[in-house]
Amino acid sequence: MAIILRLDRMMADRKISLNDLAAKVGIANVNLSNIKTGKVSAIRFSTLDAICDVLDCQPGDILEYKRMANENKNG
């Protein structure tokens, strides 16, 4: 997948644990862990909003787009 989740890096920068972030965001630890490890295919905007609010960051600090080598730029 071309979207890379960088939540682990942002959490380390902010020195916040998975349990603390999950509690502050209001989601289950297992769901946040899946987001952190990139084992999700979607994330709700409300969840992304809450994560960004708690971590005081922008969505672009958590989400990164990386073009795959075999993707054609023109479609």
PDB file of N, CA and C in Angstrom:
ATOM      1  N   MET A   1       0.843  -1.180   0.000  1.00  0.00           N
ATOM      2  CA  MET A   1       0.000   0.000   0.000  1.00  0.00           C
ATOM      3  C   MET A   1       0.887   1.241   0.000  1.00  0.00           C
ATOM      4  N   ALA A   2       0.449   2.254  -0.655  1.00  0.00           N
ATOM      5  CA  ALA A   2       1.237   3.473  -0.806  1.00  0.00           C
ATOM      6  C   ALA A   2       1.096   4.430   0.378  1.00  0.00           C
ATOM      7  N   ILE A   3       0.133   4.183   1.274  1.00  0.00           N
ATOM      8  CA  ILE A   3      -0.037   5.034   2.449  1.00  0.00           C
ATOM      9  C   ILE A   3       0.683   4.380   3.625  1.00  0.00           C
ATOM     10  N   ILE A   4       1.576   5.133   4.245  1.00  0.00           N
ATOM     11  CA  ILE A   4       2.344   4.635   5.377  1.00  0.00           C
ATOM     12  C   ILE A   4       1.910   5.402   6.616  1.00  0.00           C
ATOM     13  N   LEU A   5       1.616   4.677   7.674  1.00  0.00           N
ATOM     14  CA  LEU A   5       1.229   5.297   8.941  1.00  0.00           C
ATOM     15  C   LEU A   5       2.461   5.514   9.800  1.00  0.00           C
ATOM     16  N   ARG A   6       2.629   6.720  10.276  1.00  0.00           N
ATOM     17  CA  ARG A   6       3.780   7.101  11.098  1.00  0.00           C
ATOM     18  C   ARG A   6       3.376   7.437  12.533  1.00  0.00           C
ATOM     19  N   LEU A   7       2.303   6.824  12.992  1.00  0.00           N
ATOM     20  CA  LEU A   7       1.818   7.108  14.336  1.00  0.00           C
ATOM     21  C   LEU A   7       2.855   6.735  15.388  1.00  0.00           C
ATOM     22  N   ASP A   8       3.562   5.637  15.190  1.00  0.00           N
ATOM     23  CA  ASP A   8       4.568   5.222  16.166  1.00  0.00           C
ATOM     24  C   ASP A   8       5.645   6.282  16.347  1.00  0.00           C
ATOM     25  N   ARG A   9       6.062   6.891  15.261  1.00  0.00           N
ATOM     26  CA  ARG A   9       7.078   7.938  15.323  1.00  0.00           C
ATOM     27  C   ARG A   9       6.558   9.171  16.068  1.00  0.00           C
ATOM     28  N   MET A  10       5.305   9.553  15.772  1.00  0.00           N
ATOM     29  CA  MET A  10       4.725  10.723  16.425  1.00  0.00           C
ATOM     30  C   MET A  10       4.520  10.467  17.920  1.00  0.00           C
ATOM     31  N   MET A  11       4.125   9.244  18.265  1.00  0.00           N
ATOM     32  CA  MET A  11       3.958   8.898  19.674  1.00  0.00           C
ATOM     33  C   MET A  11       5.301   8.958  20.404  1.00  0.00           C
ATOM     34  N   ALA A  12       6.346   8.484  19.765  1.00  0.00           N
ATOM     35  CA  ALA A  12       7.678   8.528  20.374  1.00  0.00           C
ATOM     36  C   ALA A  12       8.138   9.973  20.552  1.00  0.00           C
ATOM     37  N   ASP A  13       7.889  10.807  19.544  1.00  0.00           N
ATOM     38  CA  ASP A  13       8.257  12.224  19.640  1.00  0.00           C
ATOM     39  C   ASP A  13       7.541  12.912  20.795  1.00  0.00           C
ATOM     40  N   ARG A  14       6.283  12.529  21.012  1.00  0.00           N
ATOM     41  CA  ARG A  14       5.469  13.146  22.068  1.00  0.00           C
ATOM     42  C   ARG A  14       5.604  12.427  23.406  1.00  0.00           C
ATOM     43  N   LYS A  15       6.352  11.316  23.409  1.00  0.00           N
ATOM     44  CA  LYS A  15       6.568  10.520  24.628  1.00  0.00           C
ATOM     45  C   LYS A  15       5.246  10.108  25.273  1.00  0.00           C
ATOM     46  N   ILE A  16       4.363   9.519  24.468  1.00  0.00           N
ATOM     47  CA  ILE A  16       3.076   9.054  24.964  1.00  0.00           C
ATOM     48  C   ILE A  16       2.937   7.569  24.647  1.00  0.00           C
ATOM     49  N   SER A  17       2.420   6.824  25.601  1.00  0.00           N
ATOM     50  CA  SER A  17       2.268   5.386  25.422  1.00  0.00           C
ATOM     51  C   SER A  17       0.975   5.068  24.667  1.00  0.00           C
ATOM     52  N   LEU A  18       0.913   3.859  24.170  1.00  0.00           N
ATOM     53  CA  LEU A  18      -0.276   3.388  23.473  1.00  0.00           C
ATOM     54  C   LEU A  18      -1.491   3.454  24.394  1.00  0.00           C
ATOM     55  N   ASN A  19      -1.325   3.008  25.639  1.00  0.00           N
ATOM     56  CA  ASN A  19      -2.445   3.016  26.587  1.00  0.00           C
ATOM     57  C   ASN A  19      -2.927   4.433  26.879  1.00  0.00           C
ATOM     58  N   ASP A  20      -1.998   5.357  27.074  1.00  0.00           N
ATOM     59  CA  ASP A  20      -2.379   6.746  27.360  1.00  0.00           C
ATOM     60  C   ASP A  20      -3.085   7.382  26.163  1.00  0.00           C
ATOM     61  N   LEU A  21      -2.540   7.168  24.965  1.00  0.00           N
ATOM     62  CA  LEU A  21      -3.157   7.752  23.782  1.00  0.00           C
ATOM     63  C   LEU A  21      -4.540   7.160  23.539  1.00  0.00           C
ATOM     64  N   ALA A  22      -4.666   5.851  23.675  1.00  0.00           N
ATOM     65  CA  ALA A  22      -5.963   5.204  23.477  1.00  0.00           C
ATOM     66  C   ALA A  22      -7.003   5.768  24.440  1.00  0.00           C
ATOM     67  N   ALA A  23      -6.613   5.950  25.694  1.00  0.00           N
ATOM     68  CA  ALA A  23      -7.538   6.491  26.690  1.00  0.00           C
ATOM     69  C   ALA A  23      -7.952   7.920  26.347  1.00  0.00           C
ATOM     70  N   LYS A  24      -6.994   8.733  25.934  1.00  0.00           N
ATOM     71  CA  LYS A  24      -7.291  10.132  25.615  1.00  0.00           C
ATOM     72  C   LYS A  24      -8.096  10.269  24.328  1.00  0.00           C
ATOM     73  N   VAL A  25      -7.859   9.375  23.363  1.00  0.00           N
ATOM     74  CA  VAL A  25      -8.584   9.418  22.096  1.00  0.00           C
ATOM     75  C   VAL A  25      -9.971   8.801  22.253  1.00  0.00           C
ATOM     76  N   GLY A  26     -10.078   7.834  23.154  1.00  0.00           N
ATOM     77  CA  GLY A  26     -11.364   7.183  23.395  1.00  0.00           C
ATOM     78  C   GLY A  26     -11.601   5.975  22.504  1.00  0.00           C
ATOM     79  N   ILE A  27     -10.536   5.266  22.156  1.00  0.00           N
ATOM     80  CA  ILE A  27     -10.686   4.037  21.375  1.00  0.00           C
ATOM     81  C   ILE A  27      -9.958   2.904  22.091  1.00  0.00           C
ATOM     82  N   ALA A  28     -10.298   1.680  21.725  1.00  0.00           N
ATOM     83  CA  ALA A  28      -9.695   0.507  22.353  1.00  0.00           C
ATOM     84  C   ALA A  28      -8.208   0.415  22.006  1.00  0.00           C
ATOM     85  N   ASN A  29      -7.438  -0.100  22.951  1.00  0.00           N
ATOM     86  CA  ASN A  29      -6.002  -0.270  22.730  1.00  0.00           C
ATOM     87  C   ASN A  29      -5.715  -1.079  21.477  1.00  0.00           C
ATOM     88  N   VAL A  30      -6.478  -2.148  21.270  1.00  0.00           N
ATOM     89  CA  VAL A  30      -6.234  -3.013  20.116  1.00  0.00           C
ATOM     90  C   VAL A  30      -6.463  -2.260  18.811  1.00  0.00           C
ATOM     91  N   ASN A  31      -7.460  -1.398  18.765  1.00  0.00           N
ATOM     92  CA  ASN A  31      -7.721  -0.616  17.552  1.00  0.00           C
ATOM     93  C   ASN A  31      -6.602   0.391  17.301  1.00  0.00           C
ATOM     94  N   LEU A  32      -6.140   1.044  18.350  1.00  0.00           N
ATOM     95  CA  LEU A  32      -5.041   1.990  18.194  1.00  0.00           C
ATOM     96  C   LEU A  32      -3.759   1.254  17.810  1.00  0.00           C
ATOM     97  N   SER A  33      -3.551   0.081  18.370  1.00  0.00           N
ATOM     98  CA  SER A  33      -2.381  -0.727  18.024  1.00  0.00           C
ATOM     99  C   SER A  33      -2.404  -1.093  16.540  1.00  0.00           C
ATOM    100  N   ASN A  34      -3.581  -1.437  16.029  1.00  0.00           N
ATOM    101  CA  ASN A  34      -3.703  -1.757  14.605  1.00  0.00           C
ATOM    102  C   ASN A  34      -3.386  -0.552  13.730  1.00  0.00           C
ATOM    103  N   ILE A  35      -3.799   0.616  14.151  1.00  0.00           N
ATOM    104  CA  ILE A  35      -3.469   1.839  13.413  1.00  0.00           C
ATOM    105  C   ILE A  35      -1.959   2.072  13.476  1.00  0.00           C
ATOM    106  N   LYS A  36      -1.403   1.937  14.661  1.00  0.00           N
ATOM    107  CA  LYS A  36       0.032   2.188  14.866  1.00  0.00           C
ATOM    108  C   LYS A  36       0.896   1.268  14.016  1.00  0.00           C
ATOM    109  N   THR A  37       0.487   0.013  13.875  1.00  0.00           N
ATOM    110  CA  THR A  37       1.281  -0.954  13.123  1.00  0.00           C
ATOM    111  C   THR A  37       0.910  -1.022  11.645  1.00  0.00           C
ATOM    112  N   GLY A  38      -0.076  -0.224  11.233  1.00  0.00           N
ATOM    113  CA  GLY A  38      -0.454  -0.188   9.825  1.00  0.00           C
ATOM    114  C   GLY A  38      -1.308  -1.350   9.385  1.00  0.00           C
ATOM    115  N   LYS A  39      -1.957  -2.014  10.322  1.00  0.00           N
ATOM    116  CA  LYS A  39      -2.791  -3.176  10.006  1.00  0.00           C
ATOM    117  C   LYS A  39      -4.239  -2.790   9.744  1.00  0.00           C
ATOM    118  N   VAL A  40      -4.451  -1.587   9.258  1.00  0.00           N
ATOM    119  CA  VAL A  40      -5.799  -1.119   8.942  1.00  0.00           C
ATOM    120  C   VAL A  40      -5.851  -0.695   7.477  1.00  0.00           C
ATOM    121  N   SER A  41      -7.032  -0.771   6.908  1.00  0.00           N
ATOM    122  CA  SER A  41      -7.196  -0.311   5.529  1.00  0.00           C
ATOM    123  C   SER A  41      -7.955   1.009   5.488  1.00  0.00           C
ATOM    124  N   ALA A  42      -8.446   1.446   6.645  1.00  0.00           N
ATOM    125  CA  ALA A  42      -9.182   2.712   6.715  1.00  0.00           C
ATOM    126  C   ALA A  42      -9.091   3.255   8.136  1.00  0.00           C
ATOM    127  N   ILE A  43      -9.277   4.554   8.240  1.00  0.00           N
ATOM    128  CA  ILE A  43      -9.331   5.209   9.551  1.00  0.00           C
ATOM    129  C   ILE A  43     -10.405   6.292   9.479  1.00  0.00           C
ATOM    130  N   ARG A  44     -11.243   6.331  10.483  1.00  0.00           N
ATOM    131  CA  ARG A  44     -12.307   7.342  10.508  1.00  0.00           C
ATOM    132  C   ARG A  44     -11.693   8.725  10.710  1.00  0.00           C
ATOM    133  N   PHE A  45     -12.288   9.704  10.047  1.00  0.00           N
ATOM    134  CA  PHE A  45     -11.806  11.073  10.227  1.00  0.00           C
ATOM    135  C   PHE A  45     -11.947  11.509  11.678  1.00  0.00           C
ATOM    136  N   SER A  46     -12.998  11.058  12.354  1.00  0.00           N
ATOM    137  CA  SER A  46     -13.176  11.440  13.756  1.00  0.00           C
ATOM    138  C   SER A  46     -12.043  10.882  14.619  1.00  0.00           C
ATOM    139  N   THR A  47     -11.563   9.683  14.297  1.00  0.00           N
ATOM    140  CA  THR A  47     -10.441   9.095  15.024  1.00  0.00           C
ATOM    141  C   THR A  47      -9.161   9.852  14.707  1.00  0.00           C
ATOM    142  N   LEU A  48      -8.943  10.143  13.439  1.00  0.00           N
ATOM    143  CA  LEU A  48      -7.769  10.909  13.032  1.00  0.00           C
ATOM    144  C   LEU A  48      -7.782  12.290  13.679  1.00  0.00           C
ATOM    145  N   ASP A  49      -8.941  12.911  13.727  1.00  0.00           N
ATOM    146  CA  ASP A  49      -9.093  14.217  14.366  1.00  0.00           C
ATOM    147  C   ASP A  49      -8.710  14.142  15.843  1.00  0.00           C
ATOM    148  N   ALA A  50      -9.197  13.119  16.537  1.00  0.00           N
ATOM    149  CA  ALA A  50      -8.911  12.972  17.966  1.00  0.00           C
ATOM    150  C   ALA A  50      -7.423  12.703  18.203  1.00  0.00           C
ATOM    151  N   ILE A  51      -6.812  11.867  17.362  1.00  0.00           N
ATOM    152  CA  ILE A  51      -5.379  11.585  17.497  1.00  0.00           C
ATOM    153  C   ILE A  51      -4.567  12.863  17.291  1.00  0.00           C
ATOM    154  N   CYS A  52      -4.901  13.608  16.251  1.00  0.00           N
ATOM    155  CA  CYS A  52      -4.183  14.859  15.972  1.00  0.00           C
ATOM    156  C   CYS A  52      -4.368  15.870  17.095  1.00  0.00           C
ATOM    157  N   ASP A  53      -5.555  15.905  17.684  1.00  0.00           N
ATOM    158  CA  ASP A  53      -5.820  16.821  18.789  1.00  0.00           C
ATOM    159  C   ASP A  53      -4.959  16.467  19.989  1.00  0.00           C
ATOM    160  N   VAL A  54      -4.931  15.196  20.361  1.00  0.00           N
ATOM    161  CA  VAL A  54      -4.162  14.760  21.530  1.00  0.00           C
ATOM    162  C   VAL A  54      -2.665  14.939  21.298  1.00  0.00           C
ATOM    163  N   LEU A  55      -2.190  14.597  20.101  1.00  0.00           N
ATOM    164  CA  LEU A  55      -0.753  14.682  19.811  1.00  0.00           C
ATOM    165  C   LEU A  55      -0.320  16.064  19.345  1.00  0.00           C
ATOM    166  N   ASP A  56      -1.282  16.975  19.174  1.00  0.00           N
ATOM    167  CA  ASP A  56      -1.001  18.330  18.701  1.00  0.00           C
ATOM    168  C   ASP A  56      -0.175  18.283  17.409  1.00  0.00           C
ATOM    169  N   CYS A  57      -0.756  17.612  16.395  1.00  0.00           N
ATOM    170  CA  CYS A  57      -0.063  17.456  15.124  1.00  0.00           C
ATOM    171  C   CYS A  57      -1.056  17.569  13.970  1.00  0.00           C
ATOM    172  N   GLN A  58      -0.553  17.505  12.773  1.00  0.00           N
ATOM    173  CA  GLN A  58      -1.355  17.542  11.561  1.00  0.00           C
ATOM    174  C   GLN A  58      -1.487  16.117  11.014  1.00  0.00           C
ATOM    175  N   PRO A  59      -2.552  15.823  10.247  1.00  0.00           N
ATOM    176  CA  PRO A  59      -2.682  14.494   9.649  1.00  0.00           C
ATOM    177  C   PRO A  59      -1.452  14.089   8.836  1.00  0.00           C
ATOM    178  N   GLY A  60      -0.823  15.037   8.186  1.00  0.00           N
ATOM    179  CA  GLY A  60       0.373  14.750   7.403  1.00  0.00           C
ATOM    180  C   GLY A  60       1.562  14.321   8.247  1.00  0.00           C
ATOM    181  N   ASP A  61       1.505  14.573   9.548  1.00  0.00           N
ATOM    182  CA  ASP A  61       2.555  14.094  10.437  1.00  0.00           C
ATOM    183  C   ASP A  61       2.405  12.598  10.711  1.00  0.00           C
ATOM    184  N   ILE A  62       1.202  12.081  10.508  1.00  0.00           N
ATOM    185  CA  ILE A  62       0.892  10.681  10.792  1.00  0.00           C
ATOM    186  C   ILE A  62       0.801   9.855   9.511  1.00  0.00           C
ATOM    187  N   LEU A  63       0.287  10.464   8.443  1.00  0.00           N
ATOM    188  CA  LEU A  63       0.085   9.762   7.178  1.00  0.00           C
ATOM    189  C   LEU A  63       1.123  10.206   6.160  1.00  0.00           C
ATOM    190  N   GLU A  64       1.678   9.244   5.461  1.00  0.00           N
ATOM    191  CA  GLU A  64       2.670   9.541   4.429  1.00  0.00           C
ATOM    192  C   GLU A  64       2.316   8.764   3.169  1.00  0.00           C
ATOM    193  N   TYR A  65       2.408   9.411   2.031  1.00  0.00           N
ATOM    194  CA  TYR A  65       2.178   8.759   0.746  1.00  0.00           C
ATOM    195  C   TYR A  65       3.519   8.464   0.107  1.00  0.00           C
ATOM    196  N   LYS A  66       3.698   7.229  -0.289  1.00  0.00           N
ATOM    197  CA  LYS A  66       4.925   6.840  -0.967  1.00  0.00           C
ATOM    198  C   LYS A  66       4.555   6.074  -2.226  1.00  0.00           C
ATOM    199  N   ARG A  67       4.889   6.659  -3.353  1.00  0.00           N
ATOM    200  CA  ARG A  67       4.559   6.034  -4.638  1.00  0.00           C
ATOM    201  C   ARG A  67       5.298   4.710  -4.764  1.00  0.00           C
ATOM    202  N   MET A  68       4.554   3.698  -5.157  1.00  0.00           N
ATOM    203  CA  MET A  68       5.148   2.374  -5.373  1.00  0.00           C
ATOM    204  C   MET A  68       5.945   2.411  -6.679  1.00  0.00           C
ATOM    205  N   ALA A  69       7.010   1.667  -6.736  1.00  0.00           N
ATOM    206  CA  ALA A  69       7.912   1.682  -7.903  1.00  0.00           C
ATOM    207  C   ALA A  69       7.220   1.276  -9.194  1.00  0.00           C
ATOM    208  N   ASN A  70       6.222   0.396  -9.101  1.00  0.00           N
ATOM    209  CA  ASN A  70       5.576  -0.085 -10.319  1.00  0.00           C
ATOM    210  C   ASN A  70       4.311   0.703 -10.673  1.00  0.00           C
ATOM    211  N   GLU A  71       3.997   1.771  -9.957  1.00  0.00           N
ATOM    212  CA  GLU A  71       2.825   2.585 -10.266  1.00  0.00           C
ATOM    213  C   GLU A  71       3.144   3.524 -11.403  1.00  0.00           C
ATOM    214  N   ASN A  72       2.220   3.633 -12.340  1.00  0.00           N
ATOM    215  CA  ASN A  72       2.364   4.549 -13.478  1.00  0.00           C
ATOM    216  C   ASN A  72       1.869   5.914 -13.050  1.00  0.00           C
ATOM    217  N   LYS A  73       2.663   6.910 -13.247  1.00  0.00           N
ATOM    218  CA  LYS A  73       2.328   8.273 -12.819  1.00  0.00           C
ATOM    219  C   LYS A  73       1.111   8.828 -13.549  1.00  0.00           C
ATOM    220  N   ASN A  74       0.877   8.411 -14.783  1.00  0.00           N
ATOM    221  CA  ASN A  74      -0.236   8.938 -15.585  1.00  0.00           C
ATOM    222  C   ASN A  74      -1.454   8.032 -15.578  1.00  0.00           C
ATOM    223  N   GLY A  75      -1.528   7.089 -14.687  1.00  0.00           N
ATOM    224  CA  GLY A  75      -2.708   6.235 -14.559  1.00  0.00           C
ATOM    225  C   GLY A  75      -2.494   4.977 -15.222  1.00  0.00           C
TER     226      GLY A  75
END
